[in-house]
Every structure is written in C-alpha cells, then in structure tokens.
Amino acid sequence: MAAVESFGDPAEAVLFPEEEEHIARSVDKRRREFTTGRHCARVALGRLGLPPVPLLPGPKREPLWPAGVVGSITHCAGYRAAAVARASEVWTVGIDAEPDEPTPDGVLEAIALPGELARTAELRAADGKTSWDRLLFSAKETVYKAWFPLTRSWLGFEDAEVTIDPDGGTFSARILVEAPVVDGIPLTGFTGRWLARDGFVVTAIAVPAR
C-alpha cells in the first residue's frame, strides 16, 4: 500500500487530456483540488511500480482505478492526499481529511445519530482541543468511500453508526442497513484509524484482502 499527501498544489501536478476535458468548466478551486489529488494518486501508483494513467471520475464522482488497484482520494483547503493498494492485498480503502475546526451550524445534527450526538458531547467535555464533530463527519465520509467500491450502492450518514476511541486513535462503524454479502462475506461494519495534527483531522480505513 502507498499513500501520498500534499499541503499545496505543486507545479509538476498536471492532468492527462482526458482529465482536462472533464474538469475544463470547473472553477479554479475545484480544478486545483482535482489536479493535485490525481497527482498524489499517480505518485502513489508509481510507488507500487505502476505507470501513470488517467484517473477519470465515475458516475458517483469516485476515481476509476486501474484494474487490480483499489484507492481513495481526499482534499480540503490546504491538504490533498491519495492512498492506493493492490487489490490482491487490500479489499477496500477509504480516506478523508477535514480542517480541524467545528462544523458549520446544523451540520452535526444533520449527520449524527442520537448516540453519536451524545458521545460527541462527552468527547467535547473531556477534550476541547480536537473538533470531534468534524472528526465524526470525516469518519462517516471514509466509511462511505470504503463501502461504495464494494457495494456500488448509496450509504447515508444515518446508515452507519460511528464510535470514536479518543485514546487509541481508532474508530468503528456499524452498518445499520441490511448487510450486503460481498465475496461471500456480510458487510456489517468497518474499523479505521484517525489522526488530528497540523490543523487537520484525517481518517482512514484499509481492509486486508479476503
């Protein structure tokens, strides 16, 4: 598995013509996020010994990876990253990064289940340095990114319950919809890791190949 991050938009980050066509009408912010995210992904692919290729978005804006590869891309203001792995080694991967600052008014209530709201309040009371609401949002985004390539189906914020371990740097997600069977295995949840550093919260899930 290989991961690459960037805190800016390097000059060497360029797009393939097919990608240029996709992003041609986008605003500058979206273009820079897309370009550097793809750049990180191609550098990561190179670390696996794979050649650079166009990484076009699929119907749900998910990156379309080369055959035999799984991966995930994330970006927010001031940060872009990609993680890739050979499908023979990793079943699915999801990553997400967010600014380590409170979510806008109303967002937490829109994404969190009652138990998650209560746990977030407890985490805030015990440690006000980390934006636990933003971390919950990031973890749920990561769950979806790990879920979708396996199921090709939607998973709403209300469809997974996330529990964050504040001390171990881990989180777990329990899927609340009927568990699909993927490769003969019911997909009932995920475990992942989180990190708060340098003004960002980052969450990641990587499931070893079955």
N, C-alpha and C. Protein backbone atom coordinates (compact mmCIF):
# COMPACT_ATOMS: atom_id res chain seq x y z
N MET A 1 0.86 -1.19 0.00
CA MET A 1 0.00 0.00 0.00
C MET A 1 0.89 1.24 0.00
N ALA A 2 0.44 2.31 -0.67
CA ALA A 2 1.21 3.55 -0.73
C ALA A 2 0.27 4.73 -0.55
N ALA A 3 0.73 5.74 0.19
CA ALA A 3 -0.05 6.96 0.42
C ALA A 3 0.84 8.16 0.19
N VAL A 4 0.27 9.20 -0.40
CA VAL A 4 1.00 10.44 -0.70
C VAL A 4 0.12 11.61 -0.30
N GLU A 5 0.70 12.61 0.36
CA GLU A 5 -0.05 13.80 0.75
C GLU A 5 0.65 15.05 0.25
N SER A 6 -0.11 16.13 0.14
CA SER A 6 0.45 17.41 -0.27
C SER A 6 -0.28 18.53 0.46
N PHE A 7 0.48 19.50 0.95
CA PHE A 7 -0.11 20.65 1.64
C PHE A 7 -0.23 21.86 0.71
N GLY A 8 0.04 21.64 -0.56
CA GLY A 8 -0.09 22.70 -1.55
C GLY A 8 -0.36 22.10 -2.91
N ASP A 9 -0.27 22.93 -3.95
CA ASP A 9 -0.50 22.48 -5.31
C ASP A 9 0.79 22.63 -6.11
N PRO A 10 1.59 21.56 -6.20
CA PRO A 10 2.90 21.66 -6.85
C PRO A 10 2.79 21.91 -8.34
N ALA A 11 3.80 22.60 -8.87
CA ALA A 11 3.79 22.95 -10.29
C ALA A 11 3.82 21.71 -11.18
N GLU A 12 4.41 20.63 -10.69
CA GLU A 12 4.51 19.42 -11.50
C GLU A 12 3.21 18.62 -11.56
N ALA A 13 2.20 19.06 -10.85
CA ALA A 13 0.90 18.39 -10.89
C ALA A 13 0.17 18.78 -12.17
N VAL A 14 0.02 17.85 -13.07
CA VAL A 14 -0.63 18.10 -14.36
C VAL A 14 -1.64 16.99 -14.63
N LEU A 15 -2.53 17.27 -15.57
CA LEU A 15 -3.58 16.31 -15.90
C LEU A 15 -3.36 15.69 -17.28
N PHE A 16 -3.91 14.52 -17.47
CA PHE A 16 -3.98 13.91 -18.79
C PHE A 16 -5.08 14.63 -19.59
N PRO A 17 -4.99 14.60 -20.93
CA PRO A 17 -6.02 15.28 -21.74
C PRO A 17 -7.44 14.83 -21.39
N GLU A 18 -7.64 13.55 -21.14
CA GLU A 18 -8.97 13.07 -20.78
C GLU A 18 -9.47 13.71 -19.50
N GLU A 19 -8.57 13.92 -18.55
CA GLU A 19 -8.94 14.56 -17.29
C GLU A 19 -9.19 16.05 -17.50
N GLU A 20 -8.37 16.67 -18.34
CA GLU A 20 -8.56 18.08 -18.66
C GLU A 20 -9.96 18.31 -19.22
N GLU A 21 -10.40 17.42 -20.08
CA GLU A 21 -11.72 17.56 -20.68
C GLU A 21 -12.81 17.50 -19.61
N HIS A 22 -12.62 16.65 -18.64
CA HIS A 22 -13.62 16.53 -17.58
C HIS A 22 -13.71 17.77 -16.72
N ILE A 23 -12.57 18.40 -16.44
CA ILE A 23 -12.50 19.48 -15.47
C ILE A 23 -12.52 20.86 -16.12
N ALA A 24 -12.66 20.92 -17.45
CA ALA A 24 -12.47 22.16 -18.20
C ALA A 24 -13.36 23.31 -17.71
N ARG A 25 -14.58 23.03 -17.31
CA ARG A 25 -15.52 24.10 -16.94
C ARG A 25 -15.58 24.34 -15.44
N SER A 26 -14.71 23.70 -14.69
CA SER A 26 -14.74 23.84 -13.24
C SER A 26 -14.06 25.12 -12.79
N VAL A 27 -14.45 25.61 -11.62
CA VAL A 27 -13.82 26.79 -11.04
C VAL A 27 -12.40 26.44 -10.61
N ASP A 28 -11.59 27.48 -10.38
CA ASP A 28 -10.17 27.26 -10.07
C ASP A 28 -9.96 26.38 -8.85
N LYS A 29 -10.74 26.59 -7.81
CA LYS A 29 -10.58 25.79 -6.58
C LYS A 29 -10.78 24.31 -6.86
N ARG A 30 -11.85 23.98 -7.56
CA ARG A 30 -12.13 22.59 -7.89
C ARG A 30 -11.02 22.02 -8.80
N ARG A 31 -10.57 22.82 -9.74
CA ARG A 31 -9.52 22.36 -10.65
C ARG A 31 -8.23 22.02 -9.90
N ARG A 32 -7.84 22.88 -8.95
CA ARG A 32 -6.61 22.64 -8.20
C ARG A 32 -6.74 21.40 -7.31
N GLU A 33 -7.90 21.23 -6.66
CA GLU A 33 -8.12 20.04 -5.85
C GLU A 33 -8.02 18.77 -6.70
N PHE A 34 -8.70 18.80 -7.81
CA PHE A 34 -8.75 17.64 -8.70
C PHE A 34 -7.34 17.31 -9.22
N THR A 35 -6.62 18.33 -9.66
CA THR A 35 -5.30 18.12 -10.25
C THR A 35 -4.31 17.56 -9.24
N THR A 36 -4.24 18.18 -8.07
CA THR A 36 -3.27 17.72 -7.07
C THR A 36 -3.67 16.37 -6.50
N GLY A 37 -4.96 16.12 -6.35
CA GLY A 37 -5.40 14.81 -5.89
C GLY A 37 -4.97 13.72 -6.85
N ARG A 38 -5.15 13.96 -8.15
CA ARG A 38 -4.71 12.98 -9.15
C ARG A 38 -3.19 12.85 -9.17
N HIS A 39 -2.50 13.95 -8.97
CA HIS A 39 -1.04 13.91 -8.90
C HIS A 39 -0.59 13.01 -7.75
N CYS A 40 -1.18 13.20 -6.57
CA CYS A 40 -0.84 12.36 -5.43
C CYS A 40 -1.11 10.89 -5.74
N ALA A 41 -2.23 10.63 -6.40
CA ALA A 41 -2.59 9.25 -6.72
C ALA A 41 -1.57 8.63 -7.67
N ARG A 42 -1.12 9.39 -8.67
CA ARG A 42 -0.16 8.83 -9.63
C ARG A 42 1.21 8.60 -8.99
N VAL A 43 1.60 9.49 -8.08
CA VAL A 43 2.85 9.26 -7.36
C VAL A 43 2.73 7.99 -6.52
N ALA A 44 1.58 7.81 -5.87
CA ALA A 44 1.36 6.60 -5.07
C ALA A 44 1.37 5.36 -5.94
N LEU A 45 0.73 5.42 -7.10
CA LEU A 45 0.74 4.28 -8.02
C LEU A 45 2.17 3.94 -8.44
N GLY A 46 2.98 4.99 -8.67
CA GLY A 46 4.37 4.76 -9.02
C GLY A 46 5.13 4.02 -7.94
N ARG A 47 4.78 4.27 -6.69
CA ARG A 47 5.45 3.58 -5.59
C ARG A 47 5.07 2.10 -5.53
N LEU A 48 3.97 1.76 -6.20
CA LEU A 48 3.61 0.35 -6.34
C LEU A 48 4.21 -0.27 -7.59
N GLY A 49 4.96 0.54 -8.33
CA GLY A 49 5.56 0.05 -9.56
C GLY A 49 4.63 0.12 -10.76
N LEU A 50 3.58 0.94 -10.67
CA LEU A 50 2.60 1.04 -11.75
C LEU A 50 2.78 2.34 -12.52
N PRO A 51 2.48 2.35 -13.81
CA PRO A 51 2.67 3.56 -14.63
C PRO A 51 1.59 4.59 -14.38
N PRO A 52 1.87 5.87 -14.68
CA PRO A 52 0.83 6.90 -14.56
C PRO A 52 -0.24 6.73 -15.62
N VAL A 53 -1.47 6.85 -15.21
CA VAL A 53 -2.61 6.69 -16.12
C VAL A 53 -3.66 7.74 -15.79
N PRO A 54 -4.56 8.05 -16.73
CA PRO A 54 -5.68 8.95 -16.39
C PRO A 54 -6.56 8.31 -15.33
N LEU A 55 -7.04 9.13 -14.41
CA LEU A 55 -7.94 8.67 -13.35
C LEU A 55 -9.23 9.48 -13.44
N LEU A 56 -10.12 9.00 -14.27
CA LEU A 56 -11.36 9.72 -14.51
C LEU A 56 -12.37 9.43 -13.40
N PRO A 57 -13.30 10.34 -13.17
CA PRO A 57 -14.34 10.08 -12.17
C PRO A 57 -15.44 9.20 -12.72
N GLY A 58 -15.98 8.35 -11.86
CA GLY A 58 -17.10 7.50 -12.24
C GLY A 58 -18.43 8.21 -12.07
N PRO A 59 -19.53 7.49 -12.18
CA PRO A 59 -20.86 8.12 -12.11
C PRO A 59 -21.17 8.77 -10.77
N LYS A 60 -20.51 8.34 -9.69
CA LYS A 60 -20.70 8.95 -8.38
C LYS A 60 -19.48 9.78 -7.97
N ARG A 61 -18.71 10.20 -8.97
CA ARG A 61 -17.51 11.01 -8.79
C ARG A 61 -16.35 10.23 -8.14
N GLU A 62 -16.51 8.92 -8.03
CA GLU A 62 -15.44 8.10 -7.46
C GLU A 62 -14.32 7.93 -8.49
N PRO A 63 -13.05 7.93 -8.07
CA PRO A 63 -11.96 7.70 -9.02
C PRO A 63 -12.05 6.30 -9.62
N LEU A 64 -11.84 6.21 -10.92
CA LEU A 64 -11.82 4.91 -11.58
C LEU A 64 -10.37 4.44 -11.66
N TRP A 65 -10.04 3.44 -10.85
CA TRP A 65 -8.67 2.99 -10.72
C TRP A 65 -8.32 1.95 -11.78
N PRO A 66 -7.03 1.78 -12.06
CA PRO A 66 -6.63 0.72 -13.00
C PRO A 66 -7.05 -0.64 -12.47
N ALA A 67 -7.18 -1.61 -13.36
CA ALA A 67 -7.55 -2.97 -12.96
C ALA A 67 -6.54 -3.48 -11.93
N GLY A 68 -7.06 -4.10 -10.89
CA GLY A 68 -6.21 -4.68 -9.87
C GLY A 68 -5.75 -3.70 -8.81
N VAL A 69 -6.34 -2.49 -8.79
CA VAL A 69 -5.96 -1.45 -7.83
C VAL A 69 -7.19 -0.97 -7.08
N VAL A 70 -7.05 -0.72 -5.80
CA VAL A 70 -8.07 -0.02 -5.01
C VAL A 70 -7.42 1.26 -4.48
N GLY A 71 -8.25 2.26 -4.23
CA GLY A 71 -7.67 3.51 -3.74
C GLY A 71 -8.72 4.51 -3.32
N SER A 72 -8.24 5.64 -2.82
CA SER A 72 -9.12 6.71 -2.35
C SER A 72 -8.35 8.02 -2.42
N ILE A 73 -9.08 9.09 -2.71
CA ILE A 73 -8.50 10.44 -2.81
C ILE A 73 -9.30 11.36 -1.90
N THR A 74 -8.62 12.30 -1.25
CA THR A 74 -9.31 13.30 -0.43
C THR A 74 -8.67 14.66 -0.64
N HIS A 75 -9.44 15.69 -0.41
CA HIS A 75 -8.89 17.05 -0.47
C HIS A 75 -9.77 17.98 0.36
N CYS A 76 -9.12 18.96 0.97
CA CYS A 76 -9.80 20.06 1.63
C CYS A 76 -8.88 21.26 1.53
N ALA A 77 -9.27 22.39 2.04
CA ALA A 77 -8.44 23.58 1.93
C ALA A 77 -7.08 23.33 2.59
N GLY A 78 -6.02 23.41 1.78
CA GLY A 78 -4.67 23.26 2.30
C GLY A 78 -4.15 21.85 2.39
N TYR A 79 -4.92 20.87 1.91
CA TYR A 79 -4.46 19.48 2.05
C TYR A 79 -5.08 18.62 0.96
N ARG A 80 -4.24 17.76 0.35
CA ARG A 80 -4.70 16.77 -0.61
C ARG A 80 -3.94 15.48 -0.34
N ALA A 81 -4.56 14.33 -0.58
CA ALA A 81 -3.88 13.06 -0.34
C ALA A 81 -4.55 11.95 -1.15
N ALA A 82 -3.80 10.88 -1.35
CA ALA A 82 -4.31 9.69 -2.02
C ALA A 82 -3.67 8.47 -1.40
N ALA A 83 -4.42 7.38 -1.35
CA ALA A 83 -3.89 6.10 -0.89
C ALA A 83 -4.31 5.04 -1.89
N VAL A 84 -3.37 4.18 -2.27
CA VAL A 84 -3.66 3.12 -3.25
C VAL A 84 -3.03 1.82 -2.77
N ALA A 85 -3.57 0.72 -3.27
CA ALA A 85 -3.04 -0.60 -2.92
C ALA A 85 -3.42 -1.57 -4.02
N ARG A 86 -2.69 -2.67 -4.08
CA ARG A 86 -3.07 -3.75 -4.99
C ARG A 86 -4.27 -4.48 -4.40
N ALA A 87 -5.26 -4.77 -5.26
CA ALA A 87 -6.46 -5.44 -4.80
C ALA A 87 -6.18 -6.83 -4.25
N SER A 88 -5.07 -7.41 -4.64
CA SER A 88 -4.70 -8.72 -4.10
C SER A 88 -4.28 -8.63 -2.64
N GLU A 89 -3.99 -7.41 -2.17
CA GLU A 89 -3.52 -7.22 -0.80
C GLU A 89 -4.54 -6.49 0.07
N VAL A 90 -5.31 -5.60 -0.53
CA VAL A 90 -6.28 -4.78 0.23
C VAL A 90 -7.64 -4.89 -0.46
N TRP A 91 -8.67 -5.19 0.32
CA TRP A 91 -10.02 -5.36 -0.19
C TRP A 91 -10.65 -4.03 -0.57
N THR A 92 -10.52 -3.06 0.32
CA THR A 92 -11.04 -1.72 0.06
C THR A 92 -10.29 -0.73 0.91
N VAL A 93 -10.27 0.54 0.46
CA VAL A 93 -9.60 1.59 1.20
C VAL A 93 -10.43 2.87 1.08
N GLY A 94 -10.46 3.64 2.17
CA GLY A 94 -11.12 4.94 2.15
C GLY A 94 -10.35 5.91 3.02
N ILE A 95 -10.19 7.14 2.55
CA ILE A 95 -9.53 8.17 3.34
C ILE A 95 -10.31 9.47 3.23
N ASP A 96 -10.21 10.30 4.27
CA ASP A 96 -10.83 11.61 4.23
C ASP A 96 -10.05 12.55 5.13
N ALA A 97 -9.97 13.81 4.75
CA ALA A 97 -9.31 14.85 5.55
C ALA A 97 -10.22 16.06 5.63
N GLU A 98 -10.23 16.69 6.78
CA GLU A 98 -11.04 17.88 7.02
C GLU A 98 -10.26 18.85 7.89
N PRO A 99 -10.57 20.15 7.81
CA PRO A 99 -9.94 21.09 8.74
C PRO A 99 -10.36 20.78 10.17
N ASP A 100 -9.41 20.87 11.09
CA ASP A 100 -9.70 20.57 12.49
C ASP A 100 -10.36 21.78 13.14
N GLU A 101 -11.60 22.00 12.75
CA GLU A 101 -12.39 23.11 13.28
C GLU A 101 -13.84 22.71 13.28
N PRO A 102 -14.67 23.32 14.11
CA PRO A 102 -16.07 22.89 14.22
C PRO A 102 -16.80 22.93 12.88
N THR A 103 -17.74 22.01 12.71
CA THR A 103 -18.57 22.03 11.52
C THR A 103 -19.52 23.23 11.58
N PRO A 104 -19.99 23.71 10.45
CA PRO A 104 -20.96 24.81 10.46
C PRO A 104 -22.23 24.44 11.23
N ASP A 105 -22.93 25.46 11.67
CA ASP A 105 -24.16 25.24 12.43
C ASP A 105 -25.11 24.31 11.68
N GLY A 106 -25.63 23.33 12.40
CA GLY A 106 -26.63 22.44 11.83
C GLY A 106 -26.07 21.18 11.18
N VAL A 107 -24.78 21.16 10.88
CA VAL A 107 -24.20 20.01 10.17
C VAL A 107 -24.18 18.78 11.08
N LEU A 108 -23.71 18.96 12.31
CA LEU A 108 -23.63 17.81 13.21
C LEU A 108 -25.00 17.17 13.39
N GLU A 109 -26.01 17.98 13.61
CA GLU A 109 -27.35 17.45 13.82
C GLU A 109 -27.86 16.73 12.57
N ALA A 110 -27.38 17.15 11.39
CA ALA A 110 -27.82 16.54 10.14
C ALA A 110 -27.16 15.20 9.87
N ILE A 111 -25.94 14.99 10.39
CA ILE A 111 -25.21 13.77 10.06
C ILE A 111 -25.18 12.75 11.18
N ALA A 112 -25.48 13.18 12.42
CA ALA A 112 -25.25 12.32 13.58
C ALA A 112 -26.53 11.66 14.07
N LEU A 113 -26.41 10.41 14.47
CA LEU A 113 -27.48 9.70 15.15
C LEU A 113 -27.52 10.11 16.62
N PRO A 114 -28.62 9.85 17.33
CA PRO A 114 -28.71 10.28 18.73
C PRO A 114 -27.53 9.81 19.59
N GLY A 115 -27.12 8.57 19.45
CA GLY A 115 -25.99 8.08 20.22
C GLY A 115 -24.70 8.78 19.87
N GLU A 116 -24.53 9.12 18.60
CA GLU A 116 -23.33 9.84 18.18
C GLU A 116 -23.32 11.25 18.72
N LEU A 117 -24.48 11.89 18.76
CA LEU A 117 -24.57 13.23 19.34
C LEU A 117 -24.15 13.20 20.81
N ALA A 118 -24.63 12.21 21.54
CA ALA A 118 -24.30 12.12 22.96
C ALA A 118 -22.82 11.87 23.16
N ARG A 119 -22.24 10.97 22.37
CA ARG A 119 -20.82 10.67 22.52
C ARG A 119 -19.95 11.86 22.12
N THR A 120 -20.38 12.59 21.10
CA THR A 120 -19.62 13.78 20.69
C THR A 120 -19.61 14.82 21.80
N ALA A 121 -20.75 15.00 22.47
CA ALA A 121 -20.81 15.95 23.59
C ALA A 121 -19.87 15.51 24.72
N GLU A 122 -19.81 14.21 24.97
CA GLU A 122 -18.90 13.70 26.01
C GLU A 122 -17.44 13.93 25.63
N LEU A 123 -17.11 13.71 24.37
CA LEU A 123 -15.74 13.92 23.91
C LEU A 123 -15.35 15.39 24.02
N ARG A 124 -16.27 16.27 23.64
CA ARG A 124 -16.01 17.72 23.75
C ARG A 124 -15.74 18.12 25.20
N ALA A 125 -16.54 17.57 26.12
CA ALA A 125 -16.39 17.92 27.53
C ALA A 125 -15.06 17.43 28.09
N ALA A 126 -14.60 16.28 27.59
CA ALA A 126 -13.35 15.71 28.10
C ALA A 126 -12.12 16.31 27.44
N ASP A 127 -12.24 16.73 26.18
CA ASP A 127 -11.10 17.25 25.42
C ASP A 127 -11.60 18.23 24.38
N GLY A 128 -11.40 19.49 24.62
CA GLY A 128 -11.88 20.52 23.70
C GLY A 128 -10.89 20.90 22.62
N LYS A 129 -9.73 20.24 22.59
CA LYS A 129 -8.71 20.61 21.60
C LYS A 129 -9.01 20.06 20.20
N THR A 130 -9.63 18.89 20.12
CA THR A 130 -9.97 18.27 18.84
C THR A 130 -11.41 18.58 18.48
N SER A 131 -11.67 18.85 17.21
CA SER A 131 -13.04 19.09 16.75
C SER A 131 -13.71 17.74 16.50
N TRP A 132 -14.33 17.21 17.53
CA TRP A 132 -14.88 15.86 17.46
C TRP A 132 -16.03 15.76 16.48
N ASP A 133 -16.79 16.84 16.31
CA ASP A 133 -17.87 16.80 15.33
C ASP A 133 -17.30 16.69 13.92
N ARG A 134 -16.21 17.40 13.65
CA ARG A 134 -15.58 17.32 12.34
C ARG A 134 -14.97 15.93 12.13
N LEU A 135 -14.41 15.38 13.18
CA LEU A 135 -13.84 14.04 13.10
C LEU A 135 -14.92 13.00 12.80
N LEU A 136 -16.08 13.15 13.42
CA LEU A 136 -17.19 12.24 13.13
C LEU A 136 -17.60 12.35 11.67
N PHE A 137 -17.71 13.57 11.17
CA PHE A 137 -18.04 13.78 9.76
C PHE A 137 -17.02 13.10 8.86
N SER A 138 -15.74 13.28 9.16
CA SER A 138 -14.68 12.69 8.35
C SER A 138 -14.76 11.16 8.38
N ALA A 139 -14.99 10.60 9.55
CA ALA A 139 -15.08 9.14 9.66
C ALA A 139 -16.24 8.61 8.83
N LYS A 140 -17.37 9.31 8.83
CA LYS A 140 -18.52 8.86 8.04
C LYS A 140 -18.24 8.96 6.55
N GLU A 141 -17.54 9.99 6.14
CA GLU A 141 -17.13 10.10 4.74
C GLU A 141 -16.22 8.93 4.35
N THR A 142 -15.31 8.57 5.25
CA THR A 142 -14.38 7.48 4.97
C THR A 142 -15.12 6.15 4.89
N VAL A 143 -16.10 5.96 5.75
CA VAL A 143 -16.91 4.74 5.69
C VAL A 143 -17.57 4.62 4.32
N TYR A 144 -18.14 5.70 3.82
CA TYR A 144 -18.78 5.64 2.50
C TYR A 144 -17.77 5.32 1.41
N LYS A 145 -16.58 5.92 1.49
CA LYS A 145 -15.57 5.67 0.47
C LYS A 145 -15.08 4.23 0.47
N ALA A 146 -15.09 3.60 1.63
CA ALA A 146 -14.72 2.19 1.70
C ALA A 146 -15.87 1.29 1.26
N TRP A 147 -17.09 1.71 1.55
CA TRP A 147 -18.30 0.93 1.25
C TRP A 147 -18.63 0.91 -0.24
N PHE A 148 -18.58 2.06 -0.89
CA PHE A 148 -19.13 2.16 -2.25
C PHE A 148 -18.42 1.26 -3.26
N PRO A 149 -17.09 1.18 -3.28
CA PRO A 149 -16.47 0.30 -4.29
C PRO A 149 -16.86 -1.17 -4.14
N LEU A 150 -17.24 -1.58 -2.94
CA LEU A 150 -17.62 -2.97 -2.71
C LEU A 150 -19.07 -3.23 -3.09
N THR A 151 -19.95 -2.26 -2.84
CA THR A 151 -21.39 -2.49 -2.99
C THR A 151 -21.99 -1.76 -4.19
N ARG A 152 -21.33 -0.69 -4.65
CA ARG A 152 -21.86 0.18 -5.71
C ARG A 152 -23.23 0.73 -5.32
N SER A 153 -23.45 0.96 -4.03
CA SER A 153 -24.73 1.47 -3.55
C SER A 153 -24.52 2.62 -2.57
N TRP A 154 -25.55 3.44 -2.43
CA TRP A 154 -25.51 4.60 -1.54
C TRP A 154 -25.50 4.15 -0.08
N LEU A 155 -24.84 4.94 0.76
CA LEU A 155 -24.88 4.75 2.21
C LEU A 155 -24.98 6.13 2.83
N GLY A 156 -26.12 6.44 3.44
CA GLY A 156 -26.32 7.75 4.01
C GLY A 156 -25.64 7.90 5.37
N PHE A 157 -25.53 9.14 5.84
CA PHE A 157 -24.94 9.38 7.15
C PHE A 157 -25.68 8.61 8.25
N GLU A 158 -26.99 8.45 8.06
CA GLU A 158 -27.81 7.78 9.07
C GLU A 158 -27.71 6.26 8.97
N ASP A 159 -27.00 5.75 7.98
CA ASP A 159 -26.95 4.31 7.75
C ASP A 159 -25.74 3.63 8.38
N ALA A 160 -24.91 4.39 9.06
CA ALA A 160 -23.76 3.81 9.76
C ALA A 160 -23.56 4.54 11.08
N GLU A 161 -23.37 3.81 12.14
CA GLU A 161 -23.12 4.41 13.45
C GLU A 161 -21.65 4.30 13.79
N VAL A 162 -21.03 5.44 14.03
CA VAL A 162 -19.58 5.51 14.26
C VAL A 162 -19.29 5.73 15.74
N THR A 163 -18.35 4.98 16.25
CA THR A 163 -17.87 5.15 17.62
C THR A 163 -16.38 5.46 17.57
N ILE A 164 -16.00 6.59 18.15
CA ILE A 164 -14.61 7.04 18.12
C ILE A 164 -13.93 6.71 19.44
N ASP A 165 -12.76 6.10 19.36
CA ASP A 165 -11.92 5.86 20.54
C ASP A 165 -10.98 7.05 20.67
N PRO A 166 -11.16 7.90 21.66
CA PRO A 166 -10.35 9.12 21.75
C PRO A 166 -8.90 8.86 22.13
N ASP A 167 -8.63 7.73 22.73
CA ASP A 167 -7.28 7.44 23.22
C ASP A 167 -6.46 6.59 22.25
N GLY A 168 -7.12 5.67 21.57
CA GLY A 168 -6.39 4.74 20.71
C GLY A 168 -6.21 5.20 19.28
N GLY A 169 -6.83 6.34 18.92
CA GLY A 169 -6.72 6.80 17.54
C GLY A 169 -7.43 5.90 16.56
N THR A 170 -8.50 5.23 17.01
CA THR A 170 -9.26 4.34 16.14
C THR A 170 -10.74 4.69 16.18
N PHE A 171 -11.49 4.14 15.25
CA PHE A 171 -12.94 4.27 15.27
C PHE A 171 -13.54 3.01 14.66
N SER A 172 -14.79 2.76 14.98
CA SER A 172 -15.51 1.64 14.39
C SER A 172 -16.82 2.15 13.82
N ALA A 173 -17.30 1.46 12.80
CA ALA A 173 -18.56 1.83 12.15
C ALA A 173 -19.43 0.60 12.03
N ARG A 174 -20.65 0.69 12.52
CA ARG A 174 -21.61 -0.40 12.42
C ARG A 174 -22.64 -0.04 11.36
N ILE A 175 -22.74 -0.87 10.32
CA ILE A 175 -23.68 -0.62 9.24
C ILE A 175 -25.09 -0.96 9.72
N LEU A 176 -26.03 -0.02 9.51
CA LEU A 176 -27.38 -0.17 10.04
C LEU A 176 -28.38 -0.65 9.00
N VAL A 177 -28.01 -0.63 7.73
CA VAL A 177 -28.90 -1.19 6.70
C VAL A 177 -28.62 -2.68 6.58
N GLU A 178 -29.48 -3.39 5.87
CA GLU A 178 -29.27 -4.83 5.68
C GLU A 178 -27.91 -5.06 5.05
N ALA A 179 -27.13 -5.91 5.68
CA ALA A 179 -25.74 -6.09 5.26
C ALA A 179 -25.67 -6.83 3.92
N PRO A 180 -25.10 -6.20 2.89
CA PRO A 180 -24.91 -6.92 1.63
C PRO A 180 -23.82 -7.98 1.80
N VAL A 181 -23.91 -9.03 1.02
CA VAL A 181 -22.89 -10.07 1.04
C VAL A 181 -21.94 -9.80 -0.11
N VAL A 182 -20.68 -9.55 0.22
CA VAL A 182 -19.66 -9.22 -0.77
C VAL A 182 -18.57 -10.28 -0.69
N ASP A 183 -18.30 -10.92 -1.81
CA ASP A 183 -17.31 -12.00 -1.83
C ASP A 183 -17.61 -13.06 -0.76
N GLY A 184 -18.90 -13.30 -0.55
CA GLY A 184 -19.31 -14.32 0.39
C GLY A 184 -19.31 -13.89 1.84
N ILE A 185 -19.07 -12.60 2.11
CA ILE A 185 -18.96 -12.12 3.49
C ILE A 185 -19.98 -11.00 3.72
N PRO A 186 -20.84 -11.09 4.76
CA PRO A 186 -21.75 -9.98 5.08
C PRO A 186 -20.95 -8.74 5.49
N LEU A 187 -21.27 -7.62 4.86
CA LEU A 187 -20.55 -6.37 5.14
C LEU A 187 -21.29 -5.63 6.25
N THR A 188 -20.89 -5.87 7.49
CA THR A 188 -21.62 -5.34 8.64
C THR A 188 -20.96 -4.12 9.27
N GLY A 189 -19.72 -3.81 8.90
CA GLY A 189 -19.05 -2.66 9.50
C GLY A 189 -17.60 -2.57 9.10
N PHE A 190 -16.95 -1.54 9.65
CA PHE A 190 -15.54 -1.28 9.37
C PHE A 190 -14.85 -0.83 10.65
N THR A 191 -13.56 -0.96 10.69
CA THR A 191 -12.73 -0.29 11.70
C THR A 191 -11.72 0.57 10.97
N GLY A 192 -11.35 1.67 11.59
CA GLY A 192 -10.41 2.58 10.95
C GLY A 192 -9.56 3.31 11.97
N ARG A 193 -8.73 4.21 11.47
CA ARG A 193 -7.84 4.99 12.32
C ARG A 193 -8.05 6.48 12.04
N TRP A 194 -7.74 7.30 13.06
CA TRP A 194 -7.84 8.75 12.89
C TRP A 194 -6.63 9.44 13.47
N LEU A 195 -6.40 10.65 12.97
CA LEU A 195 -5.28 11.46 13.43
C LEU A 195 -5.68 12.93 13.37
N ALA A 196 -5.34 13.69 14.40
CA ALA A 196 -5.53 15.14 14.40
C ALA A 196 -4.16 15.79 14.55
N ARG A 197 -3.74 16.53 13.49
CA ARG A 197 -2.40 17.12 13.51
C ARG A 197 -2.31 18.20 12.44
N ASP A 198 -1.50 19.20 12.71
CA ASP A 198 -1.21 20.26 11.73
C ASP A 198 -2.46 20.96 11.23
N GLY A 199 -3.48 21.03 12.09
CA GLY A 199 -4.69 21.75 11.72
C GLY A 199 -5.70 20.95 10.92
N PHE A 200 -5.49 19.63 10.82
CA PHE A 200 -6.41 18.77 10.07
C PHE A 200 -6.78 17.54 10.90
N VAL A 201 -7.94 16.98 10.60
CA VAL A 201 -8.27 15.63 11.07
C VAL A 201 -8.30 14.73 9.84
N VAL A 202 -7.70 13.56 9.98
CA VAL A 202 -7.60 12.61 8.87
C VAL A 202 -8.10 11.26 9.35
N THR A 203 -8.93 10.62 8.55
CA THR A 203 -9.45 9.29 8.89
C THR A 203 -9.16 8.34 7.75
N ALA A 204 -8.97 7.07 8.08
CA ALA A 204 -8.62 6.09 7.06
C ALA A 204 -9.14 4.70 7.43
N ILE A 205 -9.58 3.98 6.41
CA ILE A 205 -9.96 2.57 6.52
C ILE A 205 -9.20 1.80 5.46
N ALA A 206 -8.59 0.70 5.84
CA ALA A 206 -7.96 -0.21 4.89
C ALA A 206 -8.26 -1.62 5.35
N VAL A 207 -8.99 -2.37 4.55
CA VAL A 207 -9.39 -3.72 4.91
C VAL A 207 -8.51 -4.70 4.13
N PRO A 208 -7.80 -5.58 4.81
CA PRO A 208 -6.96 -6.56 4.09
C PRO A 208 -7.80 -7.43 3.15
N ALA A 209 -7.20 -7.86 2.07
CA ALA A 209 -7.90 -8.71 1.11
C ALA A 209 -8.34 -10.00 1.77
N ARG A 210 -9.52 -10.47 1.37
CA ARG A 210 -10.04 -11.72 1.92
C ARG A 210 -9.28 -12.91 1.34
